[in-house]
């Protein structure tokens, strides 16, 4: 399972550098730090897709679902050598936003993910103070009230949607691939 999530994150990161102009510009010639940062951003995003898939298959209490999310996120952050309670909370908040956005037309999650990806590549810091944000944000009014200045460019959002779809495909293809002897 974890391997599949890592593969999905790596696929999404690679596609993002090629097709998202803002990420490609921030990427420049790339280096190990940018590779790890961008792969981390998209791997954690793939975890949200994976966990949503589990949610649709298994009936569990909200407490059990949260514990599973915390355990998966802790494991992934530890693998990227970036575990901290603050980082766990930030990823849990993004996961909450991901699940709220999926039930409605707003793409706040995608805009926040784009900001994270650009920052991970060494691009212009978004100025987002993650610790002070209130999640979930349900609409543009919540975003405006929070003081965020993020891009809601529909082209950017559409391309990020494509990037995530490619990552999800890579993740589930890897998970479903038969083991070789």
N, C-alpha and C. Protein backbone atom coordinates (compact mmCIF):
# COMPACT_ATOMS: atom_id res chain seq x y z
N UNK A 1 0.82 -1.19 0.00
CA UNK A 1 0.00 0.00 0.00
C UNK A 1 0.87 1.26 0.00
N UNK A 2 1.81 1.37 0.96
CA UNK A 2 2.64 2.57 1.02
C UNK A 2 3.46 2.76 -0.24
N UNK A 3 3.96 1.65 -0.77
CA UNK A 3 4.75 1.74 -2.01
C UNK A 3 3.89 2.35 -3.12
N UNK A 4 2.67 1.92 -3.23
CA UNK A 4 1.78 2.44 -4.27
C UNK A 4 1.54 3.93 -4.07
N UNK A 5 1.39 4.37 -2.83
CA UNK A 5 1.19 5.80 -2.55
C UNK A 5 2.42 6.59 -2.96
N UNK A 6 3.61 6.07 -2.65
CA UNK A 6 4.86 6.74 -3.06
C UNK A 6 4.97 6.81 -4.58
N UNK A 7 4.62 5.73 -5.25
CA UNK A 7 4.68 5.73 -6.72
C UNK A 7 3.72 6.78 -7.28
N UNK A 8 2.51 6.82 -6.76
CA UNK A 8 1.55 7.83 -7.22
C UNK A 8 2.05 9.25 -7.01
N UNK A 9 2.66 9.50 -5.85
CA UNK A 9 3.21 10.82 -5.58
C UNK A 9 4.35 11.17 -6.52
N UNK A 10 5.18 10.19 -6.82
CA UNK A 10 6.31 10.41 -7.74
C UNK A 10 5.82 10.68 -9.15
N UNK A 11 4.82 9.93 -9.58
CA UNK A 11 4.24 10.16 -10.92
C UNK A 11 3.65 11.56 -11.00
N UNK A 12 2.87 11.93 -10.00
CA UNK A 12 2.24 13.25 -10.01
C UNK A 12 3.30 14.36 -10.01
N UNK A 13 4.35 14.19 -9.21
CA UNK A 13 5.41 15.20 -9.15
C UNK A 13 6.09 15.35 -10.51
N UNK A 14 6.39 14.25 -11.15
CA UNK A 14 7.05 14.28 -12.46
C UNK A 14 6.16 14.95 -13.50
N UNK A 15 4.89 14.62 -13.51
CA UNK A 15 3.96 15.22 -14.45
C UNK A 15 3.81 16.72 -14.16
N UNK A 16 3.75 17.08 -12.89
CA UNK A 16 3.57 18.48 -12.50
C UNK A 16 4.71 19.36 -13.03
N UNK A 17 5.93 18.86 -12.93
CA UNK A 17 7.08 19.64 -13.41
C UNK A 17 6.95 19.90 -14.91
N UNK A 18 6.43 18.92 -15.64
CA UNK A 18 6.32 19.05 -17.09
C UNK A 18 5.13 19.88 -17.56
N UNK A 19 4.00 19.83 -16.83
CA UNK A 19 2.79 20.43 -17.39
C UNK A 19 2.21 21.62 -16.63
N UNK A 20 2.71 21.89 -15.43
CA UNK A 20 2.20 23.04 -14.67
C UNK A 20 3.24 24.15 -14.77
N UNK A 21 2.97 25.18 -15.55
CA UNK A 21 3.98 26.23 -15.76
C UNK A 21 4.56 26.81 -14.47
N UNK A 22 3.72 27.11 -13.50
CA UNK A 22 4.23 27.70 -12.25
C UNK A 22 5.17 26.76 -11.52
N UNK A 23 4.87 25.47 -11.54
CA UNK A 23 5.75 24.49 -10.88
C UNK A 23 7.03 24.32 -11.69
N UNK A 24 6.89 24.23 -13.01
CA UNK A 24 8.07 24.09 -13.87
C UNK A 24 9.03 25.26 -13.72
N UNK A 25 8.50 26.47 -13.65
CA UNK A 25 9.35 27.66 -13.48
C UNK A 25 10.07 27.61 -12.14
N UNK A 26 9.35 27.24 -11.07
CA UNK A 26 9.97 27.16 -9.74
C UNK A 26 10.99 26.02 -9.69
N UNK A 27 10.74 24.97 -10.45
CA UNK A 27 11.62 23.79 -10.48
C UNK A 27 12.99 24.15 -11.07
N UNK A 28 12.97 24.95 -12.12
CA UNK A 28 14.23 25.31 -12.77
C UNK A 28 14.94 24.06 -13.26
N UNK A 29 16.18 23.88 -12.83
CA UNK A 29 16.95 22.69 -13.21
C UNK A 29 16.74 21.55 -12.22
N UNK A 30 16.04 21.84 -11.14
CA UNK A 30 15.76 20.80 -10.16
C UNK A 30 17.00 20.42 -9.37
N UNK A 31 16.78 19.80 -8.24
CA UNK A 31 17.85 19.26 -7.41
C UNK A 31 17.22 18.30 -6.42
N UNK A 32 18.02 17.69 -5.57
CA UNK A 32 17.51 16.69 -4.65
C UNK A 32 16.48 17.27 -3.68
N UNK A 33 16.74 18.47 -3.18
CA UNK A 33 15.81 19.09 -2.23
C UNK A 33 14.44 19.33 -2.89
N UNK A 34 14.45 19.83 -4.12
CA UNK A 34 13.18 20.08 -4.82
C UNK A 34 12.47 18.78 -5.16
N UNK A 35 13.25 17.78 -5.55
CA UNK A 35 12.66 16.48 -5.87
C UNK A 35 11.95 15.90 -4.66
N UNK A 36 12.65 15.89 -3.53
CA UNK A 36 12.04 15.35 -2.31
C UNK A 36 10.84 16.18 -1.87
N UNK A 37 10.96 17.50 -1.93
CA UNK A 37 9.86 18.37 -1.51
C UNK A 37 8.61 18.18 -2.35
N UNK A 38 8.80 18.17 -3.67
CA UNK A 38 7.66 18.02 -4.56
C UNK A 38 7.05 16.62 -4.46
N UNK A 39 7.90 15.62 -4.36
CA UNK A 39 7.40 14.25 -4.20
C UNK A 39 6.63 14.11 -2.89
N UNK A 40 7.11 14.76 -1.85
CA UNK A 40 6.43 14.73 -0.56
C UNK A 40 5.04 15.35 -0.68
N UNK A 41 4.94 16.52 -1.30
CA UNK A 41 3.65 17.20 -1.46
C UNK A 41 2.64 16.29 -2.16
N UNK A 42 3.06 15.69 -3.28
CA UNK A 42 2.11 14.88 -4.04
C UNK A 42 1.89 13.50 -3.43
N UNK A 43 2.86 12.95 -2.72
CA UNK A 43 2.65 11.67 -2.04
C UNK A 43 1.62 11.83 -0.93
N UNK A 44 1.71 12.90 -0.19
CA UNK A 44 0.71 13.13 0.86
C UNK A 44 -0.68 13.35 0.26
N UNK A 45 -0.73 13.95 -0.92
CA UNK A 45 -2.00 14.10 -1.61
C UNK A 45 -2.56 12.73 -2.03
N UNK A 46 -1.67 11.86 -2.51
CA UNK A 46 -2.10 10.52 -2.91
C UNK A 46 -2.66 9.76 -1.70
N UNK A 47 -2.10 10.02 -0.52
CA UNK A 47 -2.62 9.38 0.69
C UNK A 47 -4.09 9.73 0.90
N UNK A 48 -4.46 10.98 0.61
CA UNK A 48 -5.88 11.37 0.74
C UNK A 48 -6.76 10.58 -0.22
N UNK A 49 -6.28 10.40 -1.45
CA UNK A 49 -7.05 9.59 -2.41
C UNK A 49 -7.18 8.15 -1.92
N UNK A 50 -6.07 7.60 -1.42
CA UNK A 50 -6.07 6.22 -0.95
C UNK A 50 -7.05 6.06 0.22
N UNK A 51 -6.98 6.98 1.16
CA UNK A 51 -7.84 6.89 2.33
C UNK A 51 -9.31 7.09 1.97
N UNK A 52 -9.60 7.94 1.00
CA UNK A 52 -10.98 8.09 0.55
C UNK A 52 -11.48 6.79 -0.07
N UNK A 53 -10.60 6.12 -0.81
CA UNK A 53 -10.96 4.84 -1.40
C UNK A 53 -11.32 3.83 -0.29
N UNK A 54 -10.52 3.82 0.77
CA UNK A 54 -10.84 2.93 1.90
C UNK A 54 -12.18 3.30 2.53
N UNK A 55 -12.41 4.60 2.67
CA UNK A 55 -13.66 5.06 3.28
C UNK A 55 -14.87 4.57 2.50
N UNK A 56 -14.75 4.51 1.18
CA UNK A 56 -15.89 4.08 0.37
C UNK A 56 -16.11 2.56 0.46
N UNK A 57 -15.08 1.83 0.87
CA UNK A 57 -15.17 0.38 0.93
C UNK A 57 -15.48 -0.16 2.33
N UNK A 58 -15.02 0.57 3.34
CA UNK A 58 -15.15 0.09 4.72
C UNK A 58 -15.97 1.06 5.55
N UNK A 59 -16.82 0.51 6.38
CA UNK A 59 -17.61 1.34 7.30
C UNK A 59 -16.88 1.33 8.65
N UNK A 60 -16.40 2.54 9.06
CA UNK A 60 -15.69 2.66 10.31
C UNK A 60 -16.16 3.91 11.02
N UNK A 61 -15.92 3.94 12.31
CA UNK A 61 -16.30 5.12 13.10
C UNK A 61 -15.38 6.29 12.70
N UNK A 62 -15.85 7.52 12.91
CA UNK A 62 -15.00 8.68 12.63
C UNK A 62 -13.68 8.64 13.41
N UNK A 63 -13.73 8.10 14.63
CA UNK A 63 -12.52 8.00 15.44
C UNK A 63 -11.51 7.05 14.80
N UNK A 64 -12.00 5.93 14.30
CA UNK A 64 -11.10 4.95 13.66
C UNK A 64 -10.54 5.52 12.36
N UNK A 65 -11.38 6.21 11.62
CA UNK A 65 -10.91 6.83 10.37
C UNK A 65 -9.81 7.85 10.66
N UNK A 66 -10.00 8.68 11.68
CA UNK A 66 -8.98 9.69 12.02
C UNK A 66 -7.69 9.00 12.47
N UNK A 67 -7.80 7.96 13.29
CA UNK A 67 -6.60 7.24 13.75
C UNK A 67 -5.84 6.63 12.57
N UNK A 68 -6.57 6.08 11.60
CA UNK A 68 -5.93 5.52 10.41
C UNK A 68 -5.23 6.62 9.61
N UNK A 69 -5.87 7.76 9.48
CA UNK A 69 -5.27 8.88 8.76
C UNK A 69 -3.99 9.35 9.46
N UNK A 70 -4.07 9.52 10.76
CA UNK A 70 -2.89 9.96 11.51
C UNK A 70 -1.75 8.96 11.37
N UNK A 71 -2.06 7.68 11.44
CA UNK A 71 -1.01 6.65 11.33
C UNK A 71 -0.37 6.68 9.94
N UNK A 72 -1.18 6.77 8.91
CA UNK A 72 -0.64 6.80 7.54
C UNK A 72 0.19 8.05 7.31
N UNK A 73 -0.31 9.18 7.75
CA UNK A 73 0.40 10.45 7.56
C UNK A 73 1.71 10.46 8.35
N UNK A 74 1.67 9.96 9.57
CA UNK A 74 2.88 9.88 10.39
C UNK A 74 3.93 9.02 9.71
N UNK A 75 3.52 7.88 9.17
CA UNK A 75 4.45 7.00 8.48
C UNK A 75 5.05 7.68 7.26
N UNK A 76 4.23 8.34 6.48
CA UNK A 76 4.73 9.01 5.27
C UNK A 76 5.66 10.18 5.62
N UNK A 77 5.27 10.99 6.58
CA UNK A 77 6.13 12.11 6.98
C UNK A 77 7.46 11.61 7.54
N UNK A 78 7.42 10.51 8.28
CA UNK A 78 8.65 9.93 8.81
C UNK A 78 9.55 9.46 7.68
N UNK A 79 8.97 8.86 6.67
CA UNK A 79 9.75 8.40 5.51
C UNK A 79 10.43 9.57 4.80
N UNK A 80 9.79 10.73 4.81
CA UNK A 80 10.37 11.92 4.19
C UNK A 80 11.21 12.73 5.19
N UNK A 81 11.42 12.17 6.38
CA UNK A 81 12.20 12.83 7.42
C UNK A 81 11.64 14.22 7.74
N UNK A 82 10.32 14.32 7.77
CA UNK A 82 9.70 15.61 8.06
C UNK A 82 8.55 15.48 9.06
N UNK A 83 8.65 14.46 9.94
CA UNK A 83 7.60 14.27 10.93
C UNK A 83 7.67 15.36 11.99
N UNK A 84 6.53 15.93 12.29
CA UNK A 84 6.32 16.79 13.46
C UNK A 84 4.82 16.84 13.68
N UNK A 85 4.41 17.13 14.88
CA UNK A 85 2.98 17.24 15.15
C UNK A 85 2.35 18.32 14.27
N UNK A 86 3.08 19.41 14.07
CA UNK A 86 2.59 20.50 13.22
C UNK A 86 2.38 20.02 11.79
N UNK A 87 3.33 19.25 11.26
CA UNK A 87 3.18 18.74 9.89
C UNK A 87 2.04 17.74 9.79
N UNK A 88 1.88 16.90 10.80
CA UNK A 88 0.75 15.96 10.80
C UNK A 88 -0.56 16.75 10.75
N UNK A 89 -0.68 17.79 11.57
CA UNK A 89 -1.91 18.58 11.59
C UNK A 89 -2.14 19.28 10.25
N UNK A 90 -1.08 19.79 9.64
CA UNK A 90 -1.22 20.45 8.34
C UNK A 90 -1.73 19.46 7.29
N UNK A 91 -1.20 18.26 7.29
CA UNK A 91 -1.64 17.26 6.31
C UNK A 91 -3.08 16.81 6.61
N UNK A 92 -3.41 16.64 7.88
CA UNK A 92 -4.79 16.31 8.24
C UNK A 92 -5.75 17.40 7.79
N UNK A 93 -5.34 18.66 7.93
CA UNK A 93 -6.17 19.78 7.47
C UNK A 93 -6.35 19.74 5.95
N UNK A 94 -5.26 19.47 5.24
CA UNK A 94 -5.37 19.37 3.77
C UNK A 94 -6.28 18.20 3.39
N UNK A 95 -6.18 17.08 4.11
CA UNK A 95 -7.04 15.93 3.84
C UNK A 95 -8.50 16.30 4.08
N UNK A 96 -8.76 17.03 5.15
CA UNK A 96 -10.13 17.50 5.43
C UNK A 96 -10.62 18.39 4.29
N UNK A 97 -9.77 19.32 3.84
CA UNK A 97 -10.14 20.20 2.73
C UNK A 97 -10.40 19.39 1.46
N UNK A 98 -9.57 18.41 1.21
CA UNK A 98 -9.72 17.53 0.05
C UNK A 98 -11.10 16.88 0.06
N UNK A 99 -11.50 16.37 1.20
CA UNK A 99 -12.78 15.68 1.28
C UNK A 99 -13.96 16.64 1.22
N UNK A 100 -13.82 17.85 1.70
CA UNK A 100 -14.88 18.86 1.58
C UNK A 100 -15.01 19.30 0.13
N UNK A 101 -13.88 19.59 -0.51
CA UNK A 101 -13.91 20.04 -1.91
C UNK A 101 -14.54 19.00 -2.82
N UNK A 102 -14.30 17.74 -2.55
CA UNK A 102 -14.81 16.69 -3.43
C UNK A 102 -16.33 16.66 -3.45
N UNK A 103 -16.94 17.16 -2.36
CA UNK A 103 -18.40 17.13 -2.30
C UNK A 103 -19.04 18.40 -2.87
N UNK A 104 -18.23 19.32 -3.36
CA UNK A 104 -18.78 20.56 -3.89
C UNK A 104 -17.95 21.09 -5.04
N UNK A 105 -18.36 22.22 -5.58
CA UNK A 105 -17.71 22.76 -6.78
C UNK A 105 -16.41 23.51 -6.52
N UNK A 106 -16.13 23.88 -5.28
CA UNK A 106 -14.94 24.67 -5.00
C UNK A 106 -13.67 23.82 -5.07
N UNK A 107 -12.61 24.43 -5.58
CA UNK A 107 -11.35 23.72 -5.72
C UNK A 107 -10.27 24.38 -4.84
N UNK A 108 -10.63 24.69 -3.64
CA UNK A 108 -9.70 25.31 -2.71
C UNK A 108 -8.52 24.39 -2.47
N UNK A 109 -8.79 23.09 -2.33
CA UNK A 109 -7.71 22.12 -2.11
C UNK A 109 -6.67 22.20 -3.22
N UNK A 110 -7.14 22.23 -4.46
CA UNK A 110 -6.21 22.27 -5.59
C UNK A 110 -5.35 23.53 -5.57
N UNK A 111 -5.95 24.66 -5.22
CA UNK A 111 -5.19 25.91 -5.15
C UNK A 111 -4.16 25.86 -4.02
N UNK A 112 -4.53 25.30 -2.88
CA UNK A 112 -3.58 25.16 -1.77
C UNK A 112 -2.45 24.19 -2.14
N UNK A 113 -2.81 23.11 -2.81
CA UNK A 113 -1.80 22.13 -3.24
C UNK A 113 -0.83 22.76 -4.22
N UNK A 114 -1.33 23.56 -5.14
CA UNK A 114 -0.46 24.26 -6.08
C UNK A 114 0.51 25.17 -5.33
N UNK A 115 0.02 25.90 -4.33
CA UNK A 115 0.89 26.77 -3.54
C UNK A 115 1.96 25.96 -2.82
N UNK A 116 1.59 24.81 -2.26
CA UNK A 116 2.57 23.94 -1.60
C UNK A 116 3.61 23.44 -2.59
N UNK A 117 3.18 23.04 -3.77
CA UNK A 117 4.09 22.48 -4.76
C UNK A 117 5.09 23.53 -5.24
N UNK A 118 4.62 24.74 -5.49
CA UNK A 118 5.51 25.82 -5.93
C UNK A 118 6.54 26.11 -4.84
N UNK A 119 6.10 26.17 -3.60
CA UNK A 119 7.03 26.40 -2.49
C UNK A 119 8.05 25.27 -2.37
N UNK A 120 7.59 24.03 -2.55
CA UNK A 120 8.49 22.87 -2.44
C UNK A 120 9.59 22.91 -3.50
N UNK A 121 9.31 23.57 -4.62
CA UNK A 121 10.28 23.69 -5.71
C UNK A 121 11.16 24.93 -5.55
N UNK A 122 11.00 25.63 -4.46
CA UNK A 122 11.82 26.80 -4.23
C UNK A 122 11.25 28.06 -4.85
N UNK A 123 10.00 28.00 -5.25
CA UNK A 123 9.36 29.16 -5.86
C UNK A 123 8.97 30.19 -4.82
N UNK A 124 8.34 31.23 -5.29
CA UNK A 124 7.90 32.32 -4.42
C UNK A 124 7.07 31.76 -3.28
N UNK A 125 7.49 32.00 -2.03
CA UNK A 125 6.68 31.52 -0.91
C UNK A 125 5.26 32.09 -0.99
N UNK A 126 4.30 31.25 -0.67
CA UNK A 126 2.90 31.67 -0.78
C UNK A 126 2.50 32.62 0.34
N UNK A 127 3.26 32.64 1.41
CA UNK A 127 2.89 33.48 2.53
C UNK A 127 1.77 32.86 3.36
N UNK A 128 1.44 31.61 3.07
CA UNK A 128 0.37 30.95 3.81
C UNK A 128 0.89 30.57 5.20
N UNK A 129 0.18 31.00 6.21
CA UNK A 129 0.50 30.62 7.58
C UNK A 129 -0.42 29.46 7.92
N UNK A 130 0.06 28.25 7.65
CA UNK A 130 -0.77 27.05 7.77
C UNK A 130 -1.34 26.88 9.17
N UNK A 131 -0.57 27.25 10.17
CA UNK A 131 -1.02 27.04 11.55
C UNK A 131 -2.21 27.92 11.93
N UNK A 132 -2.40 29.03 11.23
CA UNK A 132 -3.48 29.94 11.59
C UNK A 132 -4.74 29.75 10.75
N UNK A 133 -4.67 28.89 9.74
CA UNK A 133 -5.84 28.67 8.90
C UNK A 133 -6.89 27.83 9.62
N UNK A 134 -8.13 28.09 9.30
CA UNK A 134 -9.24 27.34 9.86
C UNK A 134 -9.79 26.43 8.77
N UNK A 135 -9.74 25.12 9.00
CA UNK A 135 -10.21 24.16 8.02
C UNK A 135 -11.47 23.50 8.52
N UNK A 136 -12.36 23.12 7.63
CA UNK A 136 -12.28 23.30 6.17
C UNK A 136 -12.78 24.68 5.76
N UNK A 137 -12.31 25.12 4.62
CA UNK A 137 -12.81 26.34 4.00
C UNK A 137 -13.85 25.90 2.98
N UNK A 138 -15.05 26.39 3.12
CA UNK A 138 -16.15 25.89 2.29
C UNK A 138 -16.38 26.66 1.01
N UNK A 139 -15.89 27.91 0.94
CA UNK A 139 -16.11 28.70 -0.27
C UNK A 139 -15.11 29.84 -0.33
N UNK A 140 -15.22 30.64 -1.37
CA UNK A 140 -14.29 31.75 -1.58
C UNK A 140 -14.37 32.77 -0.45
N UNK A 141 -15.53 32.90 0.19
CA UNK A 141 -15.66 33.82 1.32
C UNK A 141 -14.76 33.37 2.47
N UNK A 142 -14.75 32.06 2.75
CA UNK A 142 -13.86 31.53 3.80
C UNK A 142 -12.40 31.81 3.47
N UNK A 143 -12.04 31.66 2.20
CA UNK A 143 -10.66 31.90 1.77
C UNK A 143 -10.32 33.37 1.98
N UNK A 144 -11.22 34.24 1.55
CA UNK A 144 -11.00 35.68 1.67
C UNK A 144 -10.89 36.09 3.14
N UNK A 145 -11.77 35.55 3.97
CA UNK A 145 -11.77 35.85 5.39
C UNK A 145 -10.47 35.40 6.05
N UNK A 146 -9.90 34.30 5.56
CA UNK A 146 -8.66 33.78 6.15
C UNK A 146 -7.45 34.64 5.78
N UNK A 147 -7.63 35.54 4.79
CA UNK A 147 -6.52 36.40 4.37
C UNK A 147 -5.61 35.75 3.35
N UNK A 148 -6.00 34.59 2.85
CA UNK A 148 -5.18 33.89 1.85
C UNK A 148 -5.19 34.62 0.52
N UNK A 149 -4.06 34.62 -0.11
CA UNK A 149 -3.96 35.13 -1.48
C UNK A 149 -3.41 34.00 -2.32
N UNK A 150 -4.32 33.16 -2.81
CA UNK A 150 -3.92 32.03 -3.64
C UNK A 150 -4.60 32.13 -4.99
N UNK A 151 -4.00 31.47 -5.96
CA UNK A 151 -4.50 31.53 -7.32
C UNK A 151 -5.68 30.57 -7.51
N UNK A 152 -6.76 31.11 -8.05
CA UNK A 152 -7.88 30.27 -8.44
C UNK A 152 -8.00 30.26 -9.96
N UNK A 153 -6.88 30.41 -10.64
CA UNK A 153 -6.85 30.37 -12.08
C UNK A 153 -7.39 29.01 -12.53
N UNK A 154 -8.47 29.02 -13.31
CA UNK A 154 -9.10 27.76 -13.70
C UNK A 154 -8.19 26.87 -14.53
N UNK A 155 -7.30 27.48 -15.30
CA UNK A 155 -6.35 26.67 -16.07
C UNK A 155 -5.40 25.94 -15.12
N UNK A 156 -4.87 26.64 -14.12
CA UNK A 156 -4.01 26.00 -13.12
C UNK A 156 -4.75 24.88 -12.42
N UNK A 157 -5.97 25.14 -12.01
CA UNK A 157 -6.77 24.15 -11.30
C UNK A 157 -7.01 22.94 -12.19
N UNK A 158 -7.32 23.16 -13.46
CA UNK A 158 -7.54 22.06 -14.39
C UNK A 158 -6.30 21.22 -14.59
N UNK A 159 -5.15 21.87 -14.68
CA UNK A 159 -3.90 21.13 -14.88
C UNK A 159 -3.55 20.35 -13.62
N UNK A 160 -3.76 20.94 -12.45
CA UNK A 160 -3.50 20.21 -11.20
C UNK A 160 -4.43 19.00 -11.11
N UNK A 161 -5.67 19.16 -11.55
CA UNK A 161 -6.60 18.03 -11.57
C UNK A 161 -6.05 16.90 -12.44
N UNK A 162 -5.50 17.25 -13.60
CA UNK A 162 -4.88 16.25 -14.49
C UNK A 162 -3.68 15.59 -13.82
N UNK A 163 -2.83 16.39 -13.18
CA UNK A 163 -1.65 15.86 -12.49
C UNK A 163 -2.08 14.84 -11.43
N UNK A 164 -3.07 15.20 -10.64
CA UNK A 164 -3.53 14.30 -9.59
C UNK A 164 -4.14 13.02 -10.18
N UNK A 165 -4.87 13.15 -11.27
CA UNK A 165 -5.45 11.97 -11.92
C UNK A 165 -4.36 11.02 -12.38
N UNK A 166 -3.28 11.55 -12.93
CA UNK A 166 -2.16 10.71 -13.38
C UNK A 166 -1.50 10.02 -12.18
N UNK A 167 -1.35 10.76 -11.09
CA UNK A 167 -0.78 10.16 -9.89
C UNK A 167 -1.65 9.06 -9.32
N UNK A 168 -2.95 9.30 -9.27
CA UNK A 168 -3.89 8.29 -8.77
C UNK A 168 -3.85 7.05 -9.66
N UNK A 169 -3.80 7.25 -10.96
CA UNK A 169 -3.71 6.11 -11.88
C UNK A 169 -2.44 5.31 -11.61
N UNK A 170 -1.32 6.00 -11.46
CA UNK A 170 -0.06 5.31 -11.17
C UNK A 170 -0.12 4.57 -9.84
N UNK A 171 -0.76 5.18 -8.84
CA UNK A 171 -0.87 4.57 -7.52
C UNK A 171 -1.69 3.28 -7.58
N UNK A 172 -2.88 3.35 -8.18
CA UNK A 172 -3.72 2.16 -8.21
C UNK A 172 -3.21 1.11 -9.19
N UNK A 173 -2.57 1.52 -10.28
CA UNK A 173 -1.95 0.55 -11.18
C UNK A 173 -0.84 -0.22 -10.46
N UNK A 174 -0.06 0.48 -9.65
CA UNK A 174 1.02 -0.16 -8.90
C UNK A 174 0.45 -1.12 -7.87
N UNK A 175 -0.59 -0.71 -7.19
CA UNK A 175 -1.18 -1.55 -6.16
C UNK A 175 -1.80 -2.81 -6.75
N UNK A 176 -2.42 -2.67 -7.92
CA UNK A 176 -3.11 -3.79 -8.54
C UNK A 176 -2.21 -4.67 -9.39
N UNK A 177 -0.98 -4.24 -9.64
CA UNK A 177 -0.05 -5.01 -10.49
C UNK A 177 0.28 -6.32 -9.81
N UNK A 178 0.29 -7.40 -10.60
CA UNK A 178 0.65 -8.71 -10.01
C UNK A 178 2.13 -8.70 -9.59
N UNK A 179 2.39 -9.41 -8.53
CA UNK A 179 3.77 -9.54 -8.05
C UNK A 179 4.56 -10.41 -9.01
N UNK A 180 5.80 -10.00 -9.24
CA UNK A 180 6.66 -10.82 -10.11
C UNK A 180 7.51 -11.75 -9.24
N UNK A 181 7.72 -12.97 -9.71
CA UNK A 181 8.46 -13.94 -8.89
C UNK A 181 9.94 -13.58 -8.81
